[in-house]
Amino acid sequence: MVEAEASAIPPDKLYFRIGEVARIVGVKPYVLRYWETEFSVLKPDKSPSKHRLYRRRDVETLLRIKELLHQKRFTIEGARKVLKGDKQTVQPSVAMDELKKLREIREQLVDLRESLT
């Protein structure tokens, strides 16, 4: 995902309406609705008035889909496979990186505690 697109997501919002997401992603709302039918990873919540409410991860996924379809010229089926592969391979490696950082922080805190006593 391009950094400029990711930074276009307002950091203080939890939910986004379809018009906001369409503006952030750079496509029309009907394209977002179509992508929902084609990509099972997209499941926006619905408000009591049945408006779609996208979370930050949904917007990030949509930016990734747009990159795959428009910039890298994947077919929808190809983009589906890439996203499925991302879900299976990228998330564990991200979790491992986070776990490694947490262990390093813990070691630093233990060292700090020992130096204070």
C-alpha atoms as a PDB file:
ATOM      1  CA  MET A   1       0.000   0.000   0.000  1.00  0.00           C
ATOM      2  CA  VAL A   2       1.290   3.439  -0.826  1.00  0.00           C
ATOM      3  CA  GLU A   3       2.194   5.490   2.266  1.00  0.00           C
ATOM      4  CA  ALA A   4       0.417   8.607   0.967  1.00  0.00           C
ATOM      5  CA  GLU A   5      -2.840   6.668   0.701  1.00  0.00           C
ATOM      6  CA  ALA A   6      -2.475   5.164   4.174  1.00  0.00           C
ATOM      7  CA  SER A   7      -1.809   8.593   5.650  1.00  0.00           C
ATOM      8  CA  ALA A   8      -5.041   9.866   4.058  1.00  0.00           C
ATOM      9  CA  ILE A   9      -7.001   7.861   6.646  1.00  0.00           C
ATOM     10  CA  PRO A  10      -7.884  10.179   9.554  1.00  0.00           C
ATOM     11  CA  PRO A  11      -6.190   8.720  12.652  1.00  0.00           C
ATOM     12  CA  ASP A  12      -8.891   9.723  15.154  1.00  0.00           C
ATOM     13  CA  LYS A  13     -11.902   8.043  13.524  1.00  0.00           C
ATOM     14  CA  LEU A  14     -13.114   4.528  14.235  1.00  0.00           C
ATOM     15  CA  TYR A  15     -15.825   4.272  11.573  1.00  0.00           C
ATOM     16  CA  PHE A  16     -16.213   5.748   8.105  1.00  0.00           C
ATOM     17  CA  ARG A  17     -19.280   6.065   5.896  1.00  0.00           C
ATOM     18  CA  ILE A  18     -19.194   4.888   2.317  1.00  0.00           C
ATOM     19  CA  GLY A  19     -18.779   8.409   0.882  1.00  0.00           C
ATOM     20  CA  GLU A  20     -15.738   9.083   3.063  1.00  0.00           C
ATOM     21  CA  VAL A  21     -14.199   5.734   2.151  1.00  0.00           C
ATOM     22  CA  ALA A  22     -14.864   6.327  -1.555  1.00  0.00           C
ATOM     23  CA  ARG A  23     -13.044   9.668  -1.309  1.00  0.00           C
ATOM     24  CA  ILE A  24     -10.091   8.157   0.602  1.00  0.00           C
ATOM     25  CA  VAL A  25      -9.737   5.178  -1.749  1.00  0.00           C
ATOM     26  CA  GLY A  26     -10.422   7.216  -4.883  1.00  0.00           C
ATOM     27  CA  VAL A  27     -13.279   5.200  -6.370  1.00  0.00           C
ATOM     28  CA  LYS A  28     -17.054   5.640  -6.624  1.00  0.00           C
ATOM     29  CA  PRO A  29     -19.302   4.191  -3.884  1.00  0.00           C
ATOM     30  CA  TYR A  30     -20.812   1.639  -6.287  1.00  0.00           C
ATOM     31  CA  VAL A  31     -17.310   0.212  -6.810  1.00  0.00           C
ATOM     32  CA  LEU A  32     -16.968  -0.317  -3.055  1.00  0.00           C
ATOM     33  CA  ARG A  33     -20.333  -2.079  -2.949  1.00  0.00           C
ATOM     34  CA  TYR A  34     -19.250  -4.305  -5.858  1.00  0.00           C
ATOM     35  CA  TRP A  35     -15.944  -5.138  -4.180  1.00  0.00           C
ATOM     36  CA  GLU A  36     -17.903  -6.197  -1.085  1.00  0.00           C
ATOM     37  CA  THR A  37     -19.603  -8.873  -3.184  1.00  0.00           C
ATOM     38  CA  GLU A  38     -16.313 -10.059  -4.688  1.00  0.00           C
ATOM     39  CA  PHE A  39     -14.003 -10.037  -1.642  1.00  0.00           C
ATOM     40  CA  SER A  40     -15.172 -11.955   1.413  1.00  0.00           C
ATOM     41  CA  VAL A  41     -12.701 -10.084   3.653  1.00  0.00           C
ATOM     42  CA  LEU A  42     -14.830  -6.946   3.259  1.00  0.00           C
ATOM     43  CA  LYS A  43     -17.650  -7.014   5.751  1.00  0.00           C
ATOM     44  CA  PRO A  44     -18.506  -3.459   6.800  1.00  0.00           C
ATOM     45  CA  ASP A  45     -20.773  -3.074   9.804  1.00  0.00           C
ATOM     46  CA  LYS A  46     -24.225  -1.597   9.319  1.00  0.00           C
ATOM     47  CA  SER A  47     -25.684   1.209  11.383  1.00  0.00           C
ATOM     48  CA  PRO A  48     -29.252   0.917  12.712  1.00  0.00           C
ATOM     49  CA  SER A  49     -30.318   2.909   9.646  1.00  0.00           C
ATOM     50  CA  LYS A  50     -28.556   0.314   7.405  1.00  0.00           C
ATOM     51  CA  HIS A  51     -25.693   2.628   6.374  1.00  0.00           C
ATOM     52  CA  ARG A  52     -22.376   0.925   5.795  1.00  0.00           C
ATOM     53  CA  LEU A  53     -19.773   1.674   8.451  1.00  0.00           C
ATOM     54  CA  TYR A  54     -16.228   0.761   7.474  1.00  0.00           C
ATOM     55  CA  ARG A  55     -13.502   0.261  10.063  1.00  0.00           C
ATOM     56  CA  ARG A  56      -9.891   1.316   9.587  1.00  0.00           C
ATOM     57  CA  ARG A  57      -8.845  -2.225   8.622  1.00  0.00           C
ATOM     58  CA  ASP A  58     -11.591  -2.266   5.968  1.00  0.00           C
ATOM     59  CA  VAL A  59     -10.248   0.981   4.499  1.00  0.00           C
ATOM     60  CA  GLU A  60      -6.700  -0.406   4.511  1.00  0.00           C
ATOM     61  CA  THR A  61      -7.944  -3.568   2.785  1.00  0.00           C
ATOM     62  CA  LEU A  62      -9.756  -1.461   0.185  1.00  0.00           C
ATOM     63  CA  LEU A  63      -6.590   0.513  -0.492  1.00  0.00           C
ATOM     64  CA  ARG A  64      -4.747  -2.794  -0.958  1.00  0.00           C
ATOM     65  CA  ILE A  65      -7.468  -4.062  -3.332  1.00  0.00           C
ATOM     66  CA  LYS A  66      -7.286  -0.865  -5.352  1.00  0.00           C
ATOM     67  CA  GLU A  67      -3.501  -1.176  -5.571  1.00  0.00           C
ATOM     68  CA  LEU A  68      -3.768  -4.784  -6.774  1.00  0.00           C
ATOM     69  CA  LEU A  69      -6.513  -4.122  -9.324  1.00  0.00           C
ATOM     70  CA  HIS A  70      -5.588  -0.691 -10.666  1.00  0.00           C
ATOM     71  CA  GLN A  71      -1.821  -0.393 -10.280  1.00  0.00           C
ATOM     72  CA  LYS A  72      -0.604  -3.976 -10.458  1.00  0.00           C
ATOM     73  CA  ARG A  73      -3.346  -4.933 -12.960  1.00  0.00           C
ATOM     74  CA  PHE A  74      -4.451  -8.124 -11.189  1.00  0.00           C
ATOM     75  CA  THR A  75      -7.758  -9.743 -12.056  1.00  0.00           C
ATOM     76  CA  ILE A  76     -10.323  -9.932  -9.275  1.00  0.00           C
ATOM     77  CA  GLU A  77      -9.570 -13.640  -8.863  1.00  0.00           C
ATOM     78  CA  GLY A  78      -5.835 -12.906  -8.706  1.00  0.00           C
ATOM     79  CA  ALA A  79      -6.338 -10.155  -6.145  1.00  0.00           C
ATOM     80  CA  ARG A  80      -8.471 -12.535  -4.077  1.00  0.00           C
ATOM     81  CA  LYS A  81      -5.631 -15.069  -4.048  1.00  0.00           C
ATOM     82  CA  VAL A  82      -3.070 -12.429  -3.081  1.00  0.00           C
ATOM     83  CA  LEU A  83      -5.270 -11.192  -0.231  1.00  0.00           C
ATOM     84  CA  LYS A  84      -5.829 -14.751   0.935  1.00  0.00           C
ATOM     85  CA  GLY A  85      -2.062 -15.290   0.852  1.00  0.00           C
ATOM     86  CA  ASP A  86      -1.505 -12.005   2.706  1.00  0.00           C
ATOM     87  CA  LYS A  87      -3.910 -13.109   5.408  1.00  0.00           C
ATOM     88  CA  GLN A  88      -2.167 -16.447   5.877  1.00  0.00           C
ATOM     89  CA  THR A  89       1.471 -15.372   5.605  1.00  0.00           C
ATOM     90  CA  VAL A  90       1.725 -11.710   6.532  1.00  0.00           C
ATOM     91  CA  GLN A  91      -0.247 -11.712   9.764  1.00  0.00           C
ATOM     92  CA  PRO A  92       1.878 -14.353  11.518  1.00  0.00           C
ATOM     93  CA  SER A  93       5.082 -12.567  10.519  1.00  0.00           C
ATOM     94  CA  VAL A  94       3.666  -9.270  11.770  1.00  0.00           C
ATOM     95  CA  ALA A  95       2.701 -10.957  15.018  1.00  0.00           C
ATOM     96  CA  MET A  96       6.200 -12.390  15.337  1.00  0.00           C
ATOM     97  CA  ASP A  97       7.745  -8.945  14.791  1.00  0.00           C
ATOM     98  CA  GLU A  98       5.489  -7.476  17.461  1.00  0.00           C
ATOM     99  CA  LEU A  99       6.300 -10.316  19.829  1.00  0.00           C
ATOM    100  CA  LYS A 100      10.017  -9.757  19.252  1.00  0.00           C
ATOM    101  CA  LYS A 101       9.649  -6.033  20.022  1.00  0.00           C
ATOM    102  CA  LEU A 102       7.678  -6.786  23.180  1.00  0.00           C
ATOM    103  CA  ARG A 103      10.383  -9.177  24.365  1.00  0.00           C
ATOM    104  CA  GLU A 104      13.052  -6.528  23.762  1.00  0.00           C
ATOM    105  CA  ILE A 105      11.023  -3.968  25.717  1.00  0.00           C
ATOM    106  CA  ARG A 106      10.552  -6.462  28.550  1.00  0.00           C
ATOM    107  CA  GLU A 107      14.293  -7.101  28.697  1.00  0.00           C
ATOM    108  CA  GLN A 108      14.936  -3.364  28.850  1.00  0.00           C
ATOM    109  CA  LEU A 109      12.406  -2.961  31.643  1.00  0.00           C
ATOM    110  CA  VAL A 110      13.926  -5.830  33.626  1.00  0.00           C
ATOM    111  CA  ASP A 111      17.384  -4.259  33.199  1.00  0.00           C
ATOM    112  CA  LEU A 112      16.013  -0.902  34.311  1.00  0.00           C
ATOM    113  CA  ARG A 113      14.378  -2.452  37.366  1.00  0.00           C
ATOM    114  CA  GLU A 114      17.614  -4.190  38.315  1.00  0.00           C
ATOM    115  CA  SER A 115      19.599  -0.966  37.946  1.00  0.00           C
ATOM    116  CA  LEU A 116      17.157   0.848  40.235  1.00  0.00           C
ATOM    117  CA  THR A 117      17.362  -1.718  43.037  1.00  0.00           C
END
